[in-house]
Amino acid sequence: VSGRIEINDTIIPQLALRVTPTGARSYVLR
């Protein structure tokens, strides 16, 4: 609803799926 969520991968822990309130989805690396 607000903010964004990040779900980290178990295979590559630094990789995450980022989902924003607008529905945009991207892969990010930290």
PDB file of all heavy atoms in Angstrom:
ATOM      1  N   VAL A   1       0.844  -1.195   0.000  1.00  0.00           N
ATOM      2  CA  VAL A   1       0.000   0.000   0.000  1.00  0.00           C
ATOM      3  C   VAL A   1       0.882   1.250   0.000  1.00  0.00           C
ATOM      4  O   VAL A   1       0.603   2.225  -0.692  1.00  0.00           O
ATOM      5  CB  VAL A   1      -0.950   0.002   1.212  1.00  0.00           C
ATOM      6  CG1 VAL A   1      -1.745   1.290   1.279  1.00  0.00           C
ATOM      7  CG2 VAL A   1      -1.866  -1.206   1.157  1.00  0.00           C
ATOM      8  N   SER A   2       1.957   1.208   0.767  1.00  0.00           N
ATOM      9  CA  SER A   2       2.895   2.327   0.793  1.00  0.00           C
ATOM     10  C   SER A   2       4.307   1.769   0.957  1.00  0.00           C
ATOM     11  O   SER A   2       4.488   0.617   1.341  1.00  0.00           O
ATOM     12  CB  SER A   2       2.569   3.286   1.938  1.00  0.00           C
ATOM     13  OG  SER A   2       2.750   2.626   3.168  1.00  0.00           O
ATOM     14  N   GLY A   3       5.279   2.582   0.663  1.00  0.00           N
ATOM     15  CA  GLY A   3       6.657   2.129   0.751  1.00  0.00           C
ATOM     16  C   GLY A   3       6.971   1.142  -0.348  1.00  0.00           C
ATOM     17  O   GLY A   3       6.376   1.184  -1.418  1.00  0.00           O
ATOM     18  N   ARG A   4       7.896   0.268  -0.084  1.00  0.00           N
ATOM     19  CA  ARG A   4       8.223  -0.780  -1.046  1.00  0.00           C
ATOM     20  C   ARG A   4       8.679  -2.005  -0.274  1.00  0.00           C
ATOM     21  O   ARG A   4       9.085  -1.909   0.874  1.00  0.00           O
ATOM     22  CB  ARG A   4       9.302  -0.320  -2.016  1.00  0.00           C
ATOM     23  CG  ARG A   4      10.568   0.116  -1.358  1.00  0.00           C
ATOM     24  CD  ARG A   4      11.576   0.611  -2.383  1.00  0.00           C
ATOM     25  NE  ARG A   4      12.680   1.224  -1.686  1.00  0.00           N
ATOM     26  CZ  ARG A   4      12.959   2.511  -1.708  1.00  0.00           C
ATOM     27  NH1 ARG A   4      12.226   3.337  -2.408  1.00  0.00           N
ATOM     28  NH2 ARG A   4      13.976   2.986  -1.048  1.00  0.00           N
ATOM     29  N   ILE A   5       8.576  -3.142  -0.927  1.00  0.00           N
ATOM     30  CA  ILE A   5       9.041  -4.362  -0.278  1.00  0.00           C
ATOM     31  C   ILE A   5      10.204  -4.925  -1.076  1.00  0.00           C
ATOM     32  O   ILE A   5      10.280  -4.752  -2.292  1.00  0.00           O
ATOM     33  CB  ILE A   5       7.920  -5.414  -0.124  1.00  0.00           C
ATOM     34  CG1 ILE A   5       7.326  -5.791  -1.476  1.00  0.00           C
ATOM     35  CG2 ILE A   5       6.860  -4.955   0.819  1.00  0.00           C
ATOM     36  CD1 ILE A   5       6.376  -6.973  -1.414  1.00  0.00           C
ATOM     37  N   GLU A   6      11.108  -5.566  -0.363  1.00  0.00           N
ATOM     38  CA  GLU A   6      12.228  -6.250  -1.003  1.00  0.00           C
ATOM     39  C   GLU A   6      12.270  -7.668  -0.467  1.00  0.00           C
ATOM     40  O   GLU A   6      12.243  -7.883   0.746  1.00  0.00           O
ATOM     41  CB  GLU A   6      13.550  -5.536  -0.723  1.00  0.00           C
ATOM     42  CG  GLU A   6      13.692  -4.251  -1.478  1.00  0.00           C
ATOM     43  CD  GLU A   6      15.094  -3.650  -1.388  1.00  0.00           C
ATOM     44  OE1 GLU A   6      16.005  -4.294  -0.819  1.00  0.00           O
ATOM     45  OE2 GLU A   6      15.267  -2.533  -1.885  1.00  0.00           O
ATOM     46  N   ILE A   7      12.324  -8.616  -1.378  1.00  0.00           N
ATOM     47  CA  ILE A   7      12.415 -10.022  -1.017  1.00  0.00           C
ATOM     48  C   ILE A   7      13.762 -10.524  -1.509  1.00  0.00           C
ATOM     49  O   ILE A   7      14.004 -10.583  -2.724  1.00  0.00           O
ATOM     50  CB  ILE A   7      11.270 -10.844  -1.652  1.00  0.00           C
ATOM     51  CG1 ILE A   7       9.917 -10.265  -1.243  1.00  0.00           C
ATOM     52  CG2 ILE A   7      11.390 -12.308  -1.260  1.00  0.00           C
ATOM     53  CD1 ILE A   7       8.744 -10.848  -1.999  1.00  0.00           C
ATOM     54  N   ASN A   8      14.644 -10.860  -0.568  1.00  0.00           N
ATOM     55  CA  ASN A   8      15.970 -11.335  -0.939  1.00  0.00           C
ATOM     56  C   ASN A   8      15.917 -12.787  -1.382  1.00  0.00           C
ATOM     57  O   ASN A   8      15.145 -13.586  -0.860  1.00  0.00           O
ATOM     58  CB  ASN A   8      16.944 -11.184   0.227  1.00  0.00           C
ATOM     59  CG  ASN A   8      17.315  -9.744   0.440  1.00  0.00           C
ATOM     60  OD1 ASN A   8      16.499  -8.954   0.910  1.00  0.00           O
ATOM     61  ND2 ASN A   8      18.518  -9.382   0.083  1.00  0.00           N
ATOM     62  N   ASP A   9      16.780 -13.117  -2.311  1.00  0.00           N
ATOM     63  CA  ASP A   9      16.885 -14.463  -2.856  1.00  0.00           C
ATOM     64  C   ASP A   9      17.698 -15.335  -1.913  1.00  0.00           C
ATOM     65  O   ASP A   9      18.605 -14.855  -1.239  1.00  0.00           O
ATOM     66  CB  ASP A   9      17.568 -14.377  -4.227  1.00  0.00           C
ATOM     67  CG  ASP A   9      17.503 -15.666  -5.012  1.00  0.00           C
ATOM     68  OD1 ASP A   9      16.656 -16.521  -4.706  1.00  0.00           O
ATOM     69  OD2 ASP A   9      18.312 -15.821  -5.947  1.00  0.00           O
ATOM     70  N   THR A  10      17.393 -16.622  -1.857  1.00  0.00           N
ATOM     71  CA  THR A  10      18.185 -17.531  -1.036  1.00  0.00           C
ATOM     72  C   THR A  10      19.399 -18.040  -1.808  1.00  0.00           C
ATOM     73  O   THR A  10      20.391 -18.416  -1.192  1.00  0.00           O
ATOM     74  CB  THR A  10      17.348 -18.737  -0.569  1.00  0.00           C
ATOM     75  OG1 THR A  10      16.778 -19.372  -1.707  1.00  0.00           O
ATOM     76  CG2 THR A  10      16.264 -18.311   0.387  1.00  0.00           C
ATOM     77  N   ILE A  11      19.342 -18.034  -3.127  1.00  0.00           N
ATOM     78  CA  ILE A  11      20.467 -18.521  -3.931  1.00  0.00           C
ATOM     79  C   ILE A  11      21.577 -17.476  -3.985  1.00  0.00           C
ATOM     80  O   ILE A  11      22.746 -17.782  -3.784  1.00  0.00           O
ATOM     81  CB  ILE A  11      19.989 -18.918  -5.346  1.00  0.00           C
ATOM     82  CG1 ILE A  11      19.029 -20.111  -5.232  1.00  0.00           C
ATOM     83  CG2 ILE A  11      21.166 -19.248  -6.244  1.00  0.00           C
ATOM     84  CD1 ILE A  11      18.377 -20.519  -6.516  1.00  0.00           C
ATOM     85  N   ILE A  12      21.218 -16.223  -4.280  1.00  0.00           N
ATOM     86  CA  ILE A  12      22.165 -15.102  -4.247  1.00  0.00           C
ATOM     87  C   ILE A  12      21.597 -14.109  -3.244  1.00  0.00           C
ATOM     88  O   ILE A  12      20.750 -13.284  -3.591  1.00  0.00           O
ATOM     89  CB  ILE A  12      22.339 -14.459  -5.642  1.00  0.00           C
ATOM     90  CG1 ILE A  12      22.841 -15.492  -6.640  1.00  0.00           C
ATOM     91  CG2 ILE A  12      23.285 -13.265  -5.557  1.00  0.00           C
ATOM     92  CD1 ILE A  12      22.982 -14.981  -8.056  1.00  0.00           C
ATOM     93  N   PRO A  13      22.039 -14.180  -1.987  1.00  0.00           N
ATOM     94  CA  PRO A  13      21.436 -13.364  -0.926  1.00  0.00           C
ATOM     95  C   PRO A  13      21.477 -11.856  -1.166  1.00  0.00           C
ATOM     96  O   PRO A  13      20.640 -11.134  -0.648  1.00  0.00           O
ATOM     97  CB  PRO A  13      22.245 -13.739   0.316  1.00  0.00           C
ATOM     98  CG  PRO A  13      22.836 -15.067   0.009  1.00  0.00           C
ATOM     99  CD  PRO A  13      23.059 -15.078  -1.468  1.00  0.00           C
ATOM    100  N   GLN A  14      22.438 -11.369  -1.942  1.00  0.00           N
ATOM    101  CA  GLN A  14      22.527  -9.925  -2.205  1.00  0.00           C
ATOM    102  C   GLN A  14      21.484  -9.477  -3.223  1.00  0.00           C
ATOM    103  O   GLN A  14      21.220  -8.290  -3.369  1.00  0.00           O
ATOM    104  CB  GLN A  14      23.921  -9.552  -2.726  1.00  0.00           C
ATOM    105  CG  GLN A  14      25.026  -9.836  -1.742  1.00  0.00           C
ATOM    106  CD  GLN A  14      25.649 -11.218  -1.946  1.00  0.00           C
ATOM    107  OE1 GLN A  14      25.023 -12.139  -2.435  1.00  0.00           O
ATOM    108  NE2 GLN A  14      26.888 -11.366  -1.521  1.00  0.00           N
ATOM    109  N   LEU A  15      20.895 -10.406  -3.960  1.00  0.00           N
ATOM    110  CA  LEU A  15      19.893 -10.096  -4.978  1.00  0.00           C
ATOM    111  C   LEU A  15      18.514 -10.055  -4.340  1.00  0.00           C
ATOM    112  O   LEU A  15      18.172 -10.911  -3.526  1.00  0.00           O
ATOM    113  CB  LEU A  15      19.915 -11.150  -6.089  1.00  0.00           C
ATOM    114  CG  LEU A  15      18.923 -10.979  -7.232  1.00  0.00           C
ATOM    115  CD1 LEU A  15      19.247  -9.731  -8.053  1.00  0.00           C
ATOM    116  CD2 LEU A  15      18.923 -12.205  -8.129  1.00  0.00           C
ATOM    117  N   ALA A  16      17.729  -9.048  -4.719  1.00  0.00           N
ATOM    118  CA  ALA A  16      16.375  -8.932  -4.161  1.00  0.00           C
ATOM    119  C   ALA A  16      15.397  -8.503  -5.243  1.00  0.00           C
ATOM    120  O   ALA A  16      15.773  -7.830  -6.210  1.00  0.00           O
ATOM    121  CB  ALA A  16      16.354  -7.919  -3.027  1.00  0.00           C
ATOM    122  N   LEU A  17      14.157  -8.900  -5.062  1.00  0.00           N
ATOM    123  CA  LEU A  17      13.047  -8.407  -5.877  1.00  0.00           C
ATOM    124  C   LEU A  17      12.479  -7.213  -5.128  1.00  0.00           C
ATOM    125  O   LEU A  17      12.122  -7.327  -3.958  1.00  0.00           O
ATOM    126  CB  LEU A  17      11.972  -9.475  -6.048  1.00  0.00           C
ATOM    127  CG  LEU A  17      10.657  -8.999  -6.663  1.00  0.00           C
ATOM    128  CD1 LEU A  17      10.853  -8.625  -8.117  1.00  0.00           C
ATOM    129  CD2 LEU A  17       9.586 -10.067  -6.512  1.00  0.00           C
ATOM    130  N   ARG A  18      12.405  -6.078  -5.804  1.00  0.00           N
ATOM    131  CA  ARG A  18      11.835  -4.868  -5.193  1.00  0.00           C
ATOM    132  C   ARG A  18      10.498  -4.593  -5.877  1.00  0.00           C
ATOM    133  O   ARG A  18      10.412  -4.551  -7.105  1.00  0.00           O
ATOM    134  CB  ARG A  18      12.770  -3.683  -5.390  1.00  0.00           C
ATOM    135  CG  ARG A  18      12.159  -2.378  -4.890  1.00  0.00           C
ATOM    136  CD  ARG A  18      13.077  -1.228  -5.143  1.00  0.00           C
ATOM    137  NE  ARG A  18      14.037  -1.189  -4.048  1.00  0.00           N
ATOM    138  CZ  ARG A  18      14.898  -0.213  -3.875  1.00  0.00           C
ATOM    139  NH1 ARG A  18      14.967   0.776  -4.718  1.00  0.00           N
ATOM    140  NH2 ARG A  18      15.713  -0.236  -2.852  1.00  0.00           N
ATOM    141  N   VAL A  19       9.452  -4.410  -5.075  1.00  0.00           N
ATOM    142  CA  VAL A  19       8.113  -4.109  -5.592  1.00  0.00           C
ATOM    143  C   VAL A  19       7.654  -2.799  -4.951  1.00  0.00           C
ATOM    144  O   VAL A  19       7.703  -2.638  -3.732  1.00  0.00           O
ATOM    145  CB  VAL A  19       7.112  -5.239  -5.265  1.00  0.00           C
ATOM    146  CG1 VAL A  19       5.748  -4.941  -5.875  1.00  0.00           C
ATOM    147  CG2 VAL A  19       7.633  -6.587  -5.759  1.00  0.00           C
ATOM    148  N   THR A  20       7.199  -1.863  -5.793  1.00  0.00           N
ATOM    149  CA  THR A  20       6.747  -0.557  -5.314  1.00  0.00           C
ATOM    150  C   THR A  20       5.216  -0.509  -5.297  1.00  0.00           C
ATOM    151  O   THR A  20       4.562  -1.372  -5.888  1.00  0.00           O
ATOM    152  CB  THR A  20       7.275   0.574  -6.206  1.00  0.00           C
ATOM    153  OG1 THR A  20       6.680   0.452  -7.507  1.00  0.00           O
ATOM    154  CG2 THR A  20       8.785   0.525  -6.326  1.00  0.00           C
ATOM    155  N   PRO A  21       4.632   0.495  -4.664  1.00  0.00           N
ATOM    156  CA  PRO A  21       3.164   0.609  -4.612  1.00  0.00           C
ATOM    157  C   PRO A  21       2.512   0.716  -5.997  1.00  0.00           C
ATOM    158  O   PRO A  21       1.352   0.353  -6.157  1.00  0.00           O
ATOM    159  CB  PRO A  21       2.925   1.880  -3.806  1.00  0.00           C
ATOM    160  CG  PRO A  21       4.140   2.070  -3.004  1.00  0.00           C
ATOM    161  CD  PRO A  21       5.267   1.518  -3.826  1.00  0.00           C
ATOM    162  N   THR A  22       3.252   1.214  -6.981  1.00  0.00           N
ATOM    163  CA  THR A  22       2.688   1.335  -8.327  1.00  0.00           C
ATOM    164  C   THR A  22       2.705   0.014  -9.084  1.00  0.00           C
ATOM    165  O   THR A  22       2.176  -0.085 -10.177  1.00  0.00           O
ATOM    166  CB  THR A  22       3.463   2.380  -9.153  1.00  0.00           C
ATOM    167  OG1 THR A  22       4.817   1.947  -9.293  1.00  0.00           O
ATOM    168  CG2 THR A  22       3.400   3.745  -8.515  1.00  0.00           C
ATOM    169  N   GLY A  23       3.342  -1.004  -8.488  1.00  0.00           N
ATOM    170  CA  GLY A  23       3.422  -2.311  -9.136  1.00  0.00           C
ATOM    171  C   GLY A  23       4.713  -2.527  -9.901  1.00  0.00           C
ATOM    172  O   GLY A  23       4.917  -3.592 -10.480  1.00  0.00           O
ATOM    173  N   ALA A  24       5.591  -1.526  -9.920  1.00  0.00           N
ATOM    174  CA  ALA A  24       6.882  -1.686 -10.594  1.00  0.00           C
ATOM    175  C   ALA A  24       7.693  -2.746  -9.865  1.00  0.00           C
ATOM    176  O   ALA A  24       7.703  -2.805  -8.633  1.00  0.00           O
ATOM    177  CB  ALA A  24       7.633  -0.360 -10.620  1.00  0.00           C
ATOM    178  N   ARG A  25       8.350  -3.598 -10.639  1.00  0.00           N
ATOM    179  CA  ARG A  25       9.143  -4.681 -10.073  1.00  0.00           C
ATOM    180  C   ARG A  25      10.530  -4.626 -10.691  1.00  0.00           C
ATOM    181  O   ARG A  25      10.665  -4.530 -11.902  1.00  0.00           O
ATOM    182  CB  ARG A  25       8.524  -6.038 -10.405  1.00  0.00           C
ATOM    183  CG  ARG A  25       7.154  -6.209  -9.854  1.00  0.00           C
ATOM    184  CD  ARG A  25       6.412  -7.364 -10.541  1.00  0.00           C
ATOM    185  NE  ARG A  25       4.999  -7.307 -10.219  1.00  0.00           N
ATOM    186  CZ  ARG A  25       4.474  -7.748  -9.090  1.00  0.00           C
ATOM    187  NH1 ARG A  25       5.246  -8.290  -8.184  1.00  0.00           N
ATOM    188  NH2 ARG A  25       3.195  -7.642  -8.857  1.00  0.00           N
ATOM    189  N   SER A  26      11.529  -4.703  -9.839  1.00  0.00           N
ATOM    190  CA  SER A  26      12.891  -4.700 -10.352  1.00  0.00           C
ATOM    191  C   SER A  26      13.762  -5.598  -9.493  1.00  0.00           C
ATOM    192  O   SER A  26      13.439  -5.896  -8.344  1.00  0.00           O
ATOM    193  CB  SER A  26      13.456  -3.278 -10.385  1.00  0.00           C
ATOM    194  OG  SER A  26      13.411  -2.701  -9.105  1.00  0.00           O
ATOM    195  N   TYR A  27      14.856  -6.035 -10.106  1.00  0.00           N
ATOM    196  CA  TYR A  27      15.849  -6.810  -9.383  1.00  0.00           C
ATOM    197  C   TYR A  27      16.941  -5.837  -8.953  1.00  0.00           C
ATOM    198  O   TYR A  27      17.452  -5.071  -9.766  1.00  0.00           O
ATOM    199  CB  TYR A  27      16.452  -7.895 -10.270  1.00  0.00           C
ATOM    200  CG  TYR A  27      15.455  -8.939 -10.705  1.00  0.00           C
ATOM    201  CD1 TYR A  27      15.064  -9.044 -12.031  1.00  0.00           C
ATOM    202  CD2 TYR A  27      14.910  -9.839  -9.784  1.00  0.00           C
ATOM    203  CE1 TYR A  27      14.155 -10.014 -12.434  1.00  0.00           C
ATOM    204  CE2 TYR A  27      13.998 -10.808 -10.184  1.00  0.00           C
ATOM    205  CZ  TYR A  27      13.632 -10.890 -11.509  1.00  0.00           C
ATOM    206  OH  TYR A  27      12.729 -11.843 -11.902  1.00  0.00           O
ATOM    207  N   VAL A  28      17.270  -5.849  -7.672  1.00  0.00           N
ATOM    208  CA  VAL A  28      18.310  -4.968  -7.152  1.00  0.00           C
ATOM    209  C   VAL A  28      19.354  -5.810  -6.426  1.00  0.00           C
ATOM    210  O   VAL A  28      19.070  -6.903  -5.932  1.00  0.00           O
ATOM    211  CB  VAL A  28      17.747  -3.886  -6.206  1.00  0.00           C
ATOM    212  CG1 VAL A  28      16.842  -2.932  -6.948  1.00  0.00           C
ATOM    213  CG2 VAL A  28      17.021  -4.495  -5.031  1.00  0.00           C
ATOM    214  N   LEU A  29      20.546  -5.266  -6.388  1.00  0.00           N
ATOM    215  CA  LEU A  29      21.664  -5.939  -5.757  1.00  0.00           C
ATOM    216  C   LEU A  29      22.233  -5.007  -4.701  1.00  0.00           C
ATOM    217  O   LEU A  29      22.468  -3.834  -4.977  1.00  0.00           O
ATOM    218  CB  LEU A  29      22.712  -6.238  -6.833  1.00  0.00           C
ATOM    219  CG  LEU A  29      23.904  -7.085  -6.452  1.00  0.00           C
ATOM    220  CD1 LEU A  29      23.466  -8.519  -6.209  1.00  0.00           C
ATOM    221  CD2 LEU A  29      24.924  -7.054  -7.575  1.00  0.00           C
ATOM    222  N   ARG A  30      22.407  -5.504  -3.502  1.00  0.00           N
ATOM    223  CA  ARG A  30      23.025  -4.721  -2.417  1.00  0.00           C
ATOM    224  C   ARG A  30      24.302  -5.436  -1.995  1.00  0.00           C
ATOM    225  O   ARG A  30      24.278  -6.622  -1.680  1.00  0.00           O
ATOM    226  CB  ARG A  30      22.093  -4.615  -1.221  1.00  0.00           C
ATOM    227  CG  ARG A  30      20.935  -3.703  -1.444  1.00  0.00           C
ATOM    228  CD  ARG A  30      20.162  -3.545  -0.139  1.00  0.00           C
ATOM    229  NE  ARG A  30      18.984  -2.751  -0.348  1.00  0.00           N
ATOM    230  CZ  ARG A  30      18.951  -1.429  -0.259  1.00  0.00           C
ATOM    231  NH1 ARG A  30      20.044  -0.773   0.029  1.00  0.00           N
ATOM    232  NH2 ARG A  30      17.832  -0.769  -0.465  1.00  0.00           N
TER     233      ARG A  30
END
